[in-house]
Amino acid sequence: MHNTTPYRRVRSFVRRDSRMTEAQQQALKTLWPEFGLDIANGFINFATVFQRTASTLLEIGFGSGHSLLAAAMAQPEKNFIGIETHKPGVGTLLLNILANKIHNIRIYNTDAVEVLAPCIPSQSLHTIQLFFPDPWPKRRHHKRRLIQTEFVKLLLTQLKPNGELHLATDWQDYAIDMMKVLSNIPALTNLAGARNFSERSPGRPIITKFEQQAQRAGRQIYDLRFSLNP
């Protein structure tokens, strides 16, 4: 089934144009044909892209990809798709894919909203995860927060029944807001019990540099894990 759900987007991220290293540039040039995905190709066939049939996980905004790489290495039986707008982060992940001889990751280098409905078949994903999205802390910017009801409902069209939506943030106000949004969607069930945050799960297998910075700053990490009702 193909998705036709429209989504009126408000940009939820700030583009970072930091310079790429020569190694990152070379990785993009040489490895992208094997591991890169293009929205111009439309809906993807997982069995063709990964050359096998397996449970597939999507991570939105993977940064430099260290957590995504660790998850793919720990669960070689699963397929992983990552979406990231920051080219140096994509280059870093490609370098690490090569260094660790990983074959179960594919990458989009664009805005997630441009990928979801046009490229991901409905009810095809086992898990969708989104860790540490921009919290847009100022109240006047809250409309830019990615986790809002309309966007979550778009995500749910891609999840299989009993599939999992896993979010994490180090910003308390955003965590409360996320909990409110997800708890008010009848199609979702909180795996930790109503209004409870979850314990850390294998979906976040390592503590990234970003998370270490948050912890040093005294910010608590909040995980939310919800399943889609069959």
Protein backbone atom coordinates (compact mmCIF):
# COMPACT_ATOMS: atom_id res chain seq x y z
CA MET A 1 0.00 0.00 0.00
CA HIS A 2 1.25 3.47 -0.85
CA ASN A 3 0.86 6.53 1.36
CA THR A 4 -1.20 9.51 0.24
CA THR A 5 -1.38 11.36 3.57
CA PRO A 6 -0.54 15.06 3.06
CA TYR A 7 1.62 16.76 5.64
CA ARG A 8 1.83 20.53 6.00
CA ARG A 9 5.35 20.99 7.27
CA VAL A 10 7.05 23.61 9.37
CA ARG A 11 10.84 23.25 9.23
CA SER A 12 11.91 21.60 12.48
CA PHE A 13 15.69 21.75 12.09
CA VAL A 14 18.43 24.23 11.35
CA ARG A 15 20.73 23.31 8.48
CA ARG A 16 24.37 23.09 9.55
CA ASP A 17 26.84 23.74 6.77
CA SER A 18 30.08 22.72 8.47
CA ARG A 19 32.92 21.75 6.18
CA MET A 20 33.33 18.12 5.19
CA THR A 21 36.69 16.42 5.54
CA GLU A 22 38.37 14.91 2.51
CA ALA A 23 37.67 11.45 3.90
CA GLN A 24 33.95 12.23 4.29
CA GLN A 25 33.80 13.62 0.75
CA GLN A 26 35.51 10.53 -0.62
CA ALA A 27 33.14 8.27 1.31
CA LEU A 28 30.14 10.05 -0.19
CA LYS A 29 31.62 9.71 -3.66
CA THR A 30 32.56 6.05 -3.49
CA LEU A 31 30.07 4.51 -1.04
CA TRP A 32 26.88 6.40 -1.81
CA PRO A 33 26.01 4.24 -4.85
CA GLU A 34 25.84 1.19 -2.58
CA PHE A 35 24.42 2.62 0.64
CA GLY A 36 22.62 5.80 -0.44
CA LEU A 37 18.92 6.11 -1.24
CA ASP A 38 17.37 8.80 -3.47
CA ILE A 39 13.87 10.22 -3.01
CA ALA A 40 13.70 10.61 -6.79
CA ASN A 41 13.35 6.82 -7.01
CA GLY A 42 10.08 6.92 -5.08
CA PHE A 43 8.83 3.95 -3.09
CA ILE A 44 11.55 1.54 -2.13
CA ASN A 45 11.36 -2.23 -2.09
CA PHE A 46 13.20 -3.38 1.03
CA ALA A 47 13.85 -6.87 -0.35
CA THR A 48 15.52 -5.34 -3.41
CA VAL A 49 17.48 -2.65 -1.56
CA PHE A 50 18.81 -4.99 1.12
CA GLN A 51 18.78 -8.13 -1.03
CA ARG A 52 16.87 -9.98 1.65
CA THR A 53 13.63 -9.97 3.63
CA ALA A 54 14.01 -8.83 7.24
CA SER A 55 12.50 -6.58 9.89
CA THR A 56 13.31 -2.97 9.03
CA LEU A 57 14.03 -0.09 11.39
CA LEU A 58 14.00 3.61 10.46
CA GLU A 59 15.99 6.24 12.38
CA ILE A 60 15.23 9.91 11.73
CA GLY A 61 18.04 12.39 12.34
CA PHE A 62 20.95 10.05 13.11
CA GLY A 63 23.58 12.79 13.48
CA SER A 64 26.97 11.17 12.92
CA GLY A 65 25.35 7.74 13.02
CA HIS A 66 27.25 6.20 15.94
CA SER A 67 24.13 4.88 17.65
CA LEU A 68 22.63 3.66 14.38
CA LEU A 69 25.87 1.89 13.49
CA ALA A 70 26.06 0.20 16.91
CA ALA A 71 22.45 -0.99 16.61
CA ALA A 72 23.07 -2.39 13.12
CA MET A 73 26.19 -4.19 14.31
CA ALA A 74 24.37 -5.63 17.33
CA GLN A 75 21.37 -6.77 15.25
CA PRO A 76 22.73 -7.99 11.90
CA GLU A 77 19.48 -9.86 11.27
CA LYS A 78 17.62 -6.53 10.84
CA ASN A 79 17.63 -3.87 8.15
CA PHE A 80 18.29 -0.24 9.11
CA ILE A 81 17.42 2.95 7.23
CA GLY A 82 18.78 6.27 8.44
CA ILE A 83 17.71 9.79 7.48
CA GLU A 84 19.98 12.80 8.08
CA THR A 85 20.25 16.27 6.52
CA HIS A 86 23.83 16.97 7.70
CA LYS A 87 26.28 15.81 5.00
CA PRO A 88 29.35 15.52 7.29
CA GLY A 89 27.31 13.21 9.54
CA VAL A 90 26.38 11.09 6.54
CA GLY A 91 30.03 10.99 5.50
CA THR A 92 31.08 9.87 8.98
CA LEU A 93 28.53 7.06 9.01
CA LEU A 94 29.66 5.88 5.59
CA LEU A 95 33.27 5.79 6.76
CA ASN A 96 32.25 3.71 9.78
CA ILE A 97 30.14 1.40 7.63
CA LEU A 98 33.23 0.72 5.52
CA ALA A 99 35.55 0.31 8.52
CA ASN A 100 33.21 -2.16 10.22
CA LYS A 101 32.13 -3.99 7.05
CA ILE A 102 28.44 -3.34 7.68
CA HIS A 103 25.90 -4.18 4.98
CA ASN A 104 22.50 -3.71 6.68
CA ILE A 105 22.29 0.12 6.62
CA ARG A 106 20.93 2.39 3.90
CA ILE A 107 20.84 6.20 4.06
CA TYR A 108 18.77 9.17 2.91
CA ASN A 109 20.50 12.56 2.98
CA THR A 110 17.45 14.84 3.11
CA ASP A 111 14.58 16.02 5.30
CA ALA A 112 12.55 13.14 6.75
CA VAL A 113 9.30 14.72 5.62
CA GLU A 114 10.51 14.39 2.03
CA VAL A 115 11.05 10.65 2.57
CA LEU A 116 8.19 9.31 4.65
CA ALA A 117 5.07 9.41 2.49
CA PRO A 118 6.75 9.37 -0.96
CA CYS A 119 9.30 6.62 -0.30
CA ILE A 120 8.37 4.34 2.62
CA PRO A 121 5.56 1.86 1.95
CA SER A 122 2.66 1.83 4.40
CA GLN A 123 2.84 -0.60 7.31
CA SER A 124 6.34 -1.70 6.35
CA LEU A 125 8.51 -0.76 9.35
CA HIS A 126 9.09 -2.74 12.51
CA THR A 127 10.46 0.28 14.42
CA ILE A 128 10.77 4.03 13.98
CA GLN A 129 13.16 5.87 16.28
CA LEU A 130 13.96 9.54 16.70
CA PHE A 131 16.54 10.51 19.30
CA PHE A 132 17.27 14.01 20.57
CA PRO A 133 15.43 16.12 18.01
CA ASP A 134 15.91 19.88 18.24
CA PRO A 135 13.92 20.91 21.37
CA TRP A 136 13.27 24.48 20.19
CA PRO A 137 13.19 25.57 23.85
CA LYS A 138 11.75 29.04 23.38
CA ARG A 139 7.95 28.95 23.62
CA ARG A 140 7.49 30.98 20.45
CA HIS A 141 9.41 28.27 18.58
CA HIS A 142 7.45 25.28 19.92
CA LYS A 143 5.50 25.13 16.66
CA ARG A 144 8.76 23.99 15.04
CA ARG A 145 9.06 20.92 17.24
CA LEU A 146 8.95 17.81 15.11
CA ILE A 147 6.93 15.66 17.50
CA GLN A 148 3.43 16.95 16.99
CA THR A 149 0.21 15.03 16.45
CA GLU A 150 0.08 15.49 12.68
CA PHE A 151 3.65 14.29 12.19
CA VAL A 152 3.26 11.31 14.54
CA LYS A 153 0.15 10.18 12.66
CA LEU A 154 2.20 10.31 9.46
CA LEU A 155 4.83 8.09 11.11
CA LEU A 156 2.17 5.60 12.17
CA THR A 157 1.13 4.97 8.58
CA GLN A 158 4.57 3.43 8.02
CA LEU A 159 4.55 1.17 11.11
CA LYS A 160 3.45 -2.43 11.07
CA PRO A 161 0.76 -3.40 13.61
CA ASN A 162 2.53 -3.86 16.97
CA GLY A 163 5.45 -1.85 15.56
CA GLU A 164 7.33 0.44 17.93
CA LEU A 165 7.83 4.19 18.01
CA HIS A 166 10.85 5.07 20.18
CA LEU A 167 11.69 8.68 21.06
CA ALA A 168 14.33 10.15 23.34
CA THR A 169 15.13 13.67 24.50
CA ASP A 170 17.24 15.37 27.15
CA TRP A 171 14.89 18.35 27.40
CA GLN A 172 12.30 17.89 30.16
CA ASP A 173 9.72 20.27 28.73
CA TYR A 174 9.90 18.53 25.35
CA ALA A 175 9.66 15.12 27.01
CA ILE A 176 6.44 16.17 28.72
CA ASP A 177 5.15 17.53 25.43
CA MET A 178 6.06 14.30 23.60
CA MET A 179 4.30 12.24 26.26
CA LYS A 180 1.17 14.33 25.89
CA VAL A 181 1.16 14.02 22.10
CA LEU A 182 1.69 10.24 22.05
CA SER A 183 -0.64 9.50 24.96
CA ASN A 184 -3.49 11.31 23.24
CA ILE A 185 -3.33 9.14 20.11
CA PRO A 186 -5.71 6.18 20.68
CA ALA A 187 -3.84 3.95 18.22
CA LEU A 188 -0.75 3.92 20.48
CA THR A 189 -0.02 2.02 23.68
CA ASN A 190 2.71 3.12 26.10
CA LEU A 191 5.00 0.12 26.65
CA ALA A 192 5.98 1.47 30.07
CA GLY A 193 2.41 2.01 31.22
CA ALA A 194 0.22 5.09 30.96
CA ARG A 195 2.16 8.37 31.17
CA ASN A 196 5.37 6.57 32.22
CA PHE A 197 8.77 7.07 30.62
CA SER A 198 10.68 3.95 29.61
CA GLU A 199 13.97 2.51 30.74
CA ARG A 200 16.83 2.67 28.27
CA SER A 201 16.38 0.00 25.61
CA PRO A 202 18.65 -1.84 23.12
CA GLY A 203 17.39 0.70 20.58
CA ARG A 204 19.96 3.08 22.07
CA PRO A 205 22.92 0.71 22.46
CA ILE A 206 25.62 3.30 23.22
CA ILE A 207 25.94 6.62 25.00
CA THR A 208 26.78 9.10 22.26
CA LYS A 209 28.88 12.25 22.67
CA PHE A 210 25.67 14.29 22.51
CA GLU A 211 24.17 12.29 25.35
CA GLN A 212 27.36 12.59 27.39
CA GLN A 213 27.21 16.38 26.99
CA ALA A 214 23.60 16.38 28.18
CA GLN A 215 24.50 14.31 31.22
CA ARG A 216 27.45 16.56 32.08
CA ALA A 217 25.08 19.51 31.90
CA GLY A 218 22.83 17.76 34.43
CA ARG A 219 19.98 17.02 32.04
CA GLN A 220 18.02 13.79 32.46
CA ILE A 221 17.44 11.52 29.46
CA TYR A 222 13.82 10.61 28.77
CA ASP A 223 12.83 7.61 26.63
CA LEU A 224 9.34 7.07 25.27
CA ARG A 225 8.41 3.72 23.73
CA PHE A 226 4.96 3.21 22.27
CA SER A 227 3.53 0.39 20.14
CA LEU A 228 0.94 0.65 17.39
CA ASN A 229 -2.22 -1.21 18.26
CA PRO A 230 -3.11 -4.01 15.81
